[in-house]
């Protein structure tokens, strides 16, 4: 009886491992954020579509 329980647990563990292995992973960020964490500090605030006076 204990052998059957062992095999069932082993099969369950293998199934969980396969599902975990096939889950999509998070993509690595290409550029790090600035130390202050403000993303917009590197973005130009001028709107290039409007002519300057």
PDB file of N, CA and C in Angstrom:
ATOM      1  N   UNK A   1       0.819  -1.194   0.000  1.00  0.00           N
ATOM      2  CA  UNK A   1       0.000   0.000   0.000  1.00  0.00           C
ATOM      3  C   UNK A   1       0.866   1.263   0.000  1.00  0.00           C
ATOM      4  N   UNK A   2       1.935   1.248   0.771  1.00  0.00           N
ATOM      5  CA  UNK A   2       2.774   2.438   0.833  1.00  0.00           C
ATOM      6  C   UNK A   2       3.471   2.690  -0.500  1.00  0.00           C
ATOM      7  N   UNK A   3       3.739   1.633  -1.263  1.00  0.00           N
ATOM      8  CA  UNK A   3       4.364   1.795  -2.567  1.00  0.00           C
ATOM      9  C   UNK A   3       3.424   2.539  -3.518  1.00  0.00           C
ATOM     10  N   UNK A   4       2.140   2.244  -3.439  1.00  0.00           N
ATOM     11  CA  UNK A   4       1.159   2.915  -4.302  1.00  0.00           C
ATOM     12  C   UNK A   4       1.070   4.396  -3.936  1.00  0.00           C
ATOM     13  N   UNK A   5       1.054   4.712  -2.664  1.00  0.00           N
ATOM     14  CA  UNK A   5       1.008   6.109  -2.220  1.00  0.00           C
ATOM     15  C   UNK A   5       2.259   6.847  -2.693  1.00  0.00           C
ATOM     16  N   UNK A   6       3.415   6.201  -2.594  1.00  0.00           N
ATOM     17  CA  UNK A   6       4.657   6.804  -3.059  1.00  0.00           C
ATOM     18  C   UNK A   6       4.580   7.102  -4.551  1.00  0.00           C
ATOM     19  N   UNK A   7       4.105   6.164  -5.339  1.00  0.00           N
ATOM     20  CA  UNK A   7       4.005   6.375  -6.786  1.00  0.00           C
ATOM     21  C   UNK A   7       3.007   7.480  -7.134  1.00  0.00           C
ATOM     22  N   UNK A   8       1.903   7.554  -6.400  1.00  0.00           N
ATOM     23  CA  UNK A   8       0.916   8.613  -6.645  1.00  0.00           C
ATOM     24  C   UNK A   8       1.523   9.981  -6.329  1.00  0.00           C
ATOM     25  N   UNK A   9       2.226  10.089  -5.212  1.00  0.00           N
ATOM     26  CA  UNK A   9       2.872  11.350  -4.860  1.00  0.00           C
ATOM     27  C   UNK A   9       3.964  11.717  -5.850  1.00  0.00           C
ATOM     28  N   UNK A  10       4.710  10.730  -6.307  1.00  0.00           N
ATOM     29  CA  UNK A  10       5.745  10.984  -7.299  1.00  0.00           C
ATOM     30  C   UNK A  10       5.142  11.474  -8.613  1.00  0.00           C
ATOM     31  N   UNK A  11       4.056  10.851  -9.048  1.00  0.00           N
ATOM     32  CA  UNK A  11       3.391  11.268 -10.286  1.00  0.00           C
ATOM     33  C   UNK A  11       2.814  12.679 -10.134  1.00  0.00           C
ATOM     34  N   UNK A  12       2.235  12.970  -8.983  1.00  0.00           N
ATOM     35  CA  UNK A  12       1.695  14.310  -8.737  1.00  0.00           C
ATOM     36  C   UNK A  12       2.815  15.349  -8.735  1.00  0.00           C
ATOM     37  N   UNK A  13       3.908  15.036  -8.086  1.00  0.00           N
ATOM     38  CA  UNK A  13       5.047  15.949  -8.061  1.00  0.00           C
ATOM     39  C   UNK A  13       5.608  16.189  -9.447  1.00  0.00           C
ATOM     40  N   UNK A  14       5.684  15.149 -10.242  1.00  0.00           N
ATOM     41  CA  UNK A  14       6.171  15.299 -11.612  1.00  0.00           C
ATOM     42  C   UNK A  14       5.225  16.158 -12.441  1.00  0.00           C
ATOM     43  N   UNK A  15       3.930  15.977 -12.260  1.00  0.00           N
ATOM     44  CA  UNK A  15       2.951  16.791 -12.990  1.00  0.00           C
ATOM     45  C   UNK A  15       3.065  18.261 -12.596  1.00  0.00           C
ATOM     46  N   UNK A  16       3.219  18.538 -11.307  1.00  0.00           N
ATOM     47  CA  UNK A  16       3.374  19.921 -10.840  1.00  0.00           C
ATOM     48  C   UNK A  16       4.659  20.519 -11.400  1.00  0.00           C
ATOM     49  N   UNK A  17       5.733  19.749 -11.420  1.00  0.00           N
ATOM     50  CA  UNK A  17       7.008  20.238 -11.961  1.00  0.00           C
ATOM     51  C   UNK A  17       6.873  20.564 -13.446  1.00  0.00           C
ATOM     52  N   UNK A  18       6.212  19.736 -14.217  1.00  0.00           N
ATOM     53  CA  UNK A  18       6.052  19.980 -15.656  1.00  0.00           C
ATOM     54  C   UNK A  18       5.236  21.245 -15.891  1.00  0.00           C
ATOM     55  N   UNK A  19       4.173  21.437 -15.124  1.00  0.00           N
ATOM     56  CA  UNK A  19       3.353  22.641 -15.279  1.00  0.00           C
ATOM     57  C   UNK A  19       4.165  23.876 -14.910  1.00  0.00           C
ATOM     58  N   UNK A  20       4.914  23.816 -13.806  1.00  0.00           N
ATOM     59  CA  UNK A  20       5.744  24.949 -13.386  1.00  0.00           C
ATOM     60  C   UNK A  20       6.802  25.261 -14.444  1.00  0.00           C
ATOM     61  N   UNK A  21       7.411  24.234 -15.018  1.00  0.00           N
ATOM     62  CA  UNK A  21       8.482  24.418 -15.996  1.00  0.00           C
ATOM     63  C   UNK A  21       7.973  25.076 -17.277  1.00  0.00           C
ATOM     64  N   UNK A  22       6.714  24.808 -17.632  1.00  0.00           N
ATOM     65  CA  UNK A  22       6.179  25.325 -18.893  1.00  0.00           C
ATOM     66  C   UNK A  22       5.473  26.669 -18.741  1.00  0.00           C
ATOM     67  N   UNK A  23       5.370  27.208 -17.532  1.00  0.00           N
ATOM     68  CA  UNK A  23       4.751  28.521 -17.362  1.00  0.00           C
ATOM     69  C   UNK A  23       5.634  29.586 -17.989  1.00  0.00           C
ATOM     70  N   UNK A  24       5.032  30.628 -18.582  1.00  0.00           N
ATOM     71  CA  UNK A  24       5.846  31.692 -19.176  1.00  0.00           C
ATOM     72  C   UNK A  24       6.616  32.443 -18.098  1.00  0.00           C
ATOM     73  N   UNK A  25       7.819  32.792 -18.421  1.00  0.00           N
ATOM     74  CA  UNK A  25       8.685  33.500 -17.478  1.00  0.00           C
ATOM     75  C   UNK A  25       8.562  35.000 -17.701  1.00  0.00           C
ATOM     76  N   UNK A  26       8.922  35.768 -16.699  1.00  0.00           N
ATOM     77  CA  UNK A  26       8.932  37.224 -16.837  1.00  0.00           C
ATOM     78  C   UNK A  26      10.107  37.619 -17.714  1.00  0.00           C
ATOM     79  N   UNK A  27       9.860  38.586 -18.586  1.00  0.00           N
ATOM     80  CA  UNK A  27      10.931  39.075 -19.450  1.00  0.00           C
ATOM     81  C   UNK A  27      11.846  39.982 -18.648  1.00  0.00           C
ATOM     82  N   UNK A  28      13.126  39.901 -18.934  1.00  0.00           N
ATOM     83  CA  UNK A  28      14.091  40.761 -18.257  1.00  0.00           C
ATOM     84  C   UNK A  28      13.962  42.170 -18.799  1.00  0.00           C
ATOM     85  N   UNK A  29      14.097  43.137 -17.904  1.00  0.00           N
ATOM     86  CA  UNK A  29      14.040  44.534 -18.325  1.00  0.00           C
ATOM     87  C   UNK A  29      15.328  44.887 -19.044  1.00  0.00           C
ATOM     88  N   UNK A  30      15.192  45.600 -20.160  1.00  0.00           N
ATOM     89  CA  UNK A  30      16.368  45.965 -20.949  1.00  0.00           C
ATOM     90  C   UNK A  30      17.141  47.107 -20.306  1.00  0.00           C
ATOM     91  N   UNK A  31      16.439  48.118 -19.807  1.00  0.00           N
ATOM     92  CA  UNK A  31      17.108  49.269 -19.205  1.00  0.00           C
ATOM     93  C   UNK A  31      16.638  49.423 -17.771  1.00  0.00           C
ATOM     94  N   UNK A  32      17.540  49.747 -16.915  1.00  0.00           N
ATOM     95  CA  UNK A  32      17.192  49.940 -15.518  1.00  0.00           C
ATOM     96  C   UNK A  32      16.573  51.322 -15.321  1.00  0.00           C
ATOM     97  N   UNK A  33      15.716  51.427 -14.336  1.00  0.00           N
ATOM     98  CA  UNK A  33      15.117  52.712 -14.006  1.00  0.00           C
ATOM     99  C   UNK A  33      16.159  53.601 -13.337  1.00  0.00           C
ATOM    100  N   UNK A  34      15.986  54.910 -13.444  1.00  0.00           N
ATOM    101  CA  UNK A  34      16.893  55.816 -12.726  1.00  0.00           C
ATOM    102  C   UNK A  34      16.780  55.583 -11.217  1.00  0.00           C
ATOM    103  N   UNK A  35      17.767  56.053 -10.476  1.00  0.00           N
ATOM    104  CA  UNK A  35      17.788  55.819  -9.037  1.00  0.00           C
ATOM    105  C   UNK A  35      16.595  56.428  -8.322  1.00  0.00           C
ATOM    106  N   UNK A  36      16.077  57.560  -8.851  1.00  0.00           N
ATOM    107  CA  UNK A  36      14.928  58.180  -8.201  1.00  0.00           C
ATOM    108  C   UNK A  36      13.622  57.478  -8.565  1.00  0.00           C
ATOM    109  N   UNK A  37      13.662  56.579  -9.532  1.00  0.00           N
ATOM    110  CA  UNK A  37      12.482  55.819  -9.914  1.00  0.00           C
ATOM    111  C   UNK A  37      11.530  56.568 -10.817  1.00  0.00           C
ATOM    112  N   UNK A  38      11.881  57.774 -11.235  1.00  0.00           N
ATOM    113  CA  UNK A  38      11.021  58.586 -12.074  1.00  0.00           C
ATOM    114  C   UNK A  38      11.334  58.287 -13.535  1.00  0.00           C
ATOM    115  N   UNK A  39      10.407  57.629 -14.198  1.00  0.00           N
ATOM    116  CA  UNK A  39      10.609  57.248 -15.589  1.00  0.00           C
ATOM    117  C   UNK A  39      10.516  58.459 -16.502  1.00  0.00           C
ATOM    118  N   UNK A  40       9.657  59.409 -16.165  1.00  0.00           N
ATOM    119  CA  UNK A  40       9.420  60.551 -17.050  1.00  0.00           C
ATOM    120  C   UNK A  40      10.553  61.575 -17.028  1.00  0.00           C
ATOM    121  N   UNK A  41      11.520  61.424 -16.136  1.00  0.00           N
ATOM    122  CA  UNK A  41      12.598  62.401 -16.077  1.00  0.00           C
ATOM    123  C   UNK A  41      13.483  62.337 -17.317  1.00  0.00           C
ATOM    124  N   UNK A  42      13.502  61.241 -18.018  1.00  0.00           N
ATOM    125  CA  UNK A  42      14.314  61.104 -19.219  1.00  0.00           C
ATOM    126  C   UNK A  42      13.536  61.423 -20.486  1.00  0.00           C
ATOM    127  N   UNK A  43      12.262  61.727 -20.357  1.00  0.00           N
ATOM    128  CA  UNK A  43      11.419  61.981 -21.506  1.00  0.00           C
ATOM    129  C   UNK A  43      11.296  63.481 -21.710  1.00  0.00           C
ATOM    130  N   UNK A  44      11.417  63.911 -22.956  1.00  0.00           N
ATOM    131  CA  UNK A  44      11.290  65.324 -23.280  1.00  0.00           C
ATOM    132  C   UNK A  44       9.854  65.770 -23.069  1.00  0.00           C
ATOM    133  N   UNK A  45       9.690  66.954 -22.487  1.00  0.00           N
ATOM    134  CA  UNK A  45       8.340  67.454 -22.238  1.00  0.00           C
ATOM    135  C   UNK A  45       7.830  68.292 -23.392  1.00  0.00           C
ATOM    136  N   UNK A  46       8.683  68.624 -24.352  1.00  0.00           N
ATOM    137  CA  UNK A  46       8.240  69.413 -25.500  1.00  0.00           C
ATOM    138  C   UNK A  46       7.419  68.544 -26.436  1.00  0.00           C
ATOM    139  N   UNK A  47       6.366  69.140 -26.938  1.00  0.00           N
ATOM    140  CA  UNK A  47       5.526  68.435 -27.900  1.00  0.00           C
ATOM    141  C   UNK A  47       6.013  68.842 -29.298  1.00  0.00           C
ATOM    142  N   UNK A  48       6.562  67.927 -30.027  1.00  0.00           N
ATOM    143  CA  UNK A  48       7.145  68.248 -31.333  1.00  0.00           C
ATOM    144  C   UNK A  48       6.090  68.533 -32.402  1.00  0.00           C
ATOM    145  N   UNK A  49       4.809  68.269 -32.105  1.00  0.00           N
ATOM    146  CA  UNK A  49       3.768  68.528 -33.096  1.00  0.00           C
ATOM    147  C   UNK A  49       3.323  69.975 -33.113  1.00  0.00           C
ATOM    148  N   UNK A  50       3.575  70.706 -32.030  1.00  0.00           N
ATOM    149  CA  UNK A  50       3.136  72.101 -31.984  1.00  0.00           C
ATOM    150  C   UNK A  50       4.308  73.020 -32.317  1.00  0.00           C
ATOM    151  N   UNK A  51       4.063  74.005 -33.162  1.00  0.00           N
ATOM    152  CA  UNK A  51       5.174  74.929 -33.500  1.00  0.00           C
ATOM    153  C   UNK A  51       5.491  75.838 -32.317  1.00  0.00           C
ATOM    154  N   UNK A  52       6.764  76.132 -32.188  1.00  0.00           N
ATOM    155  CA  UNK A  52       7.163  77.029 -31.096  1.00  0.00           C
ATOM    156  C   UNK A  52       6.976  78.480 -31.540  1.00  0.00           C
ATOM    157  N   UNK A  53       6.606  79.341 -30.593  1.00  0.00           N
ATOM    158  CA  UNK A  53       6.310  80.731 -30.924  1.00  0.00           C
ATOM    159  C   UNK A  53       7.540  81.605 -30.889  1.00  0.00           C
TER     160      UNK A  53
END
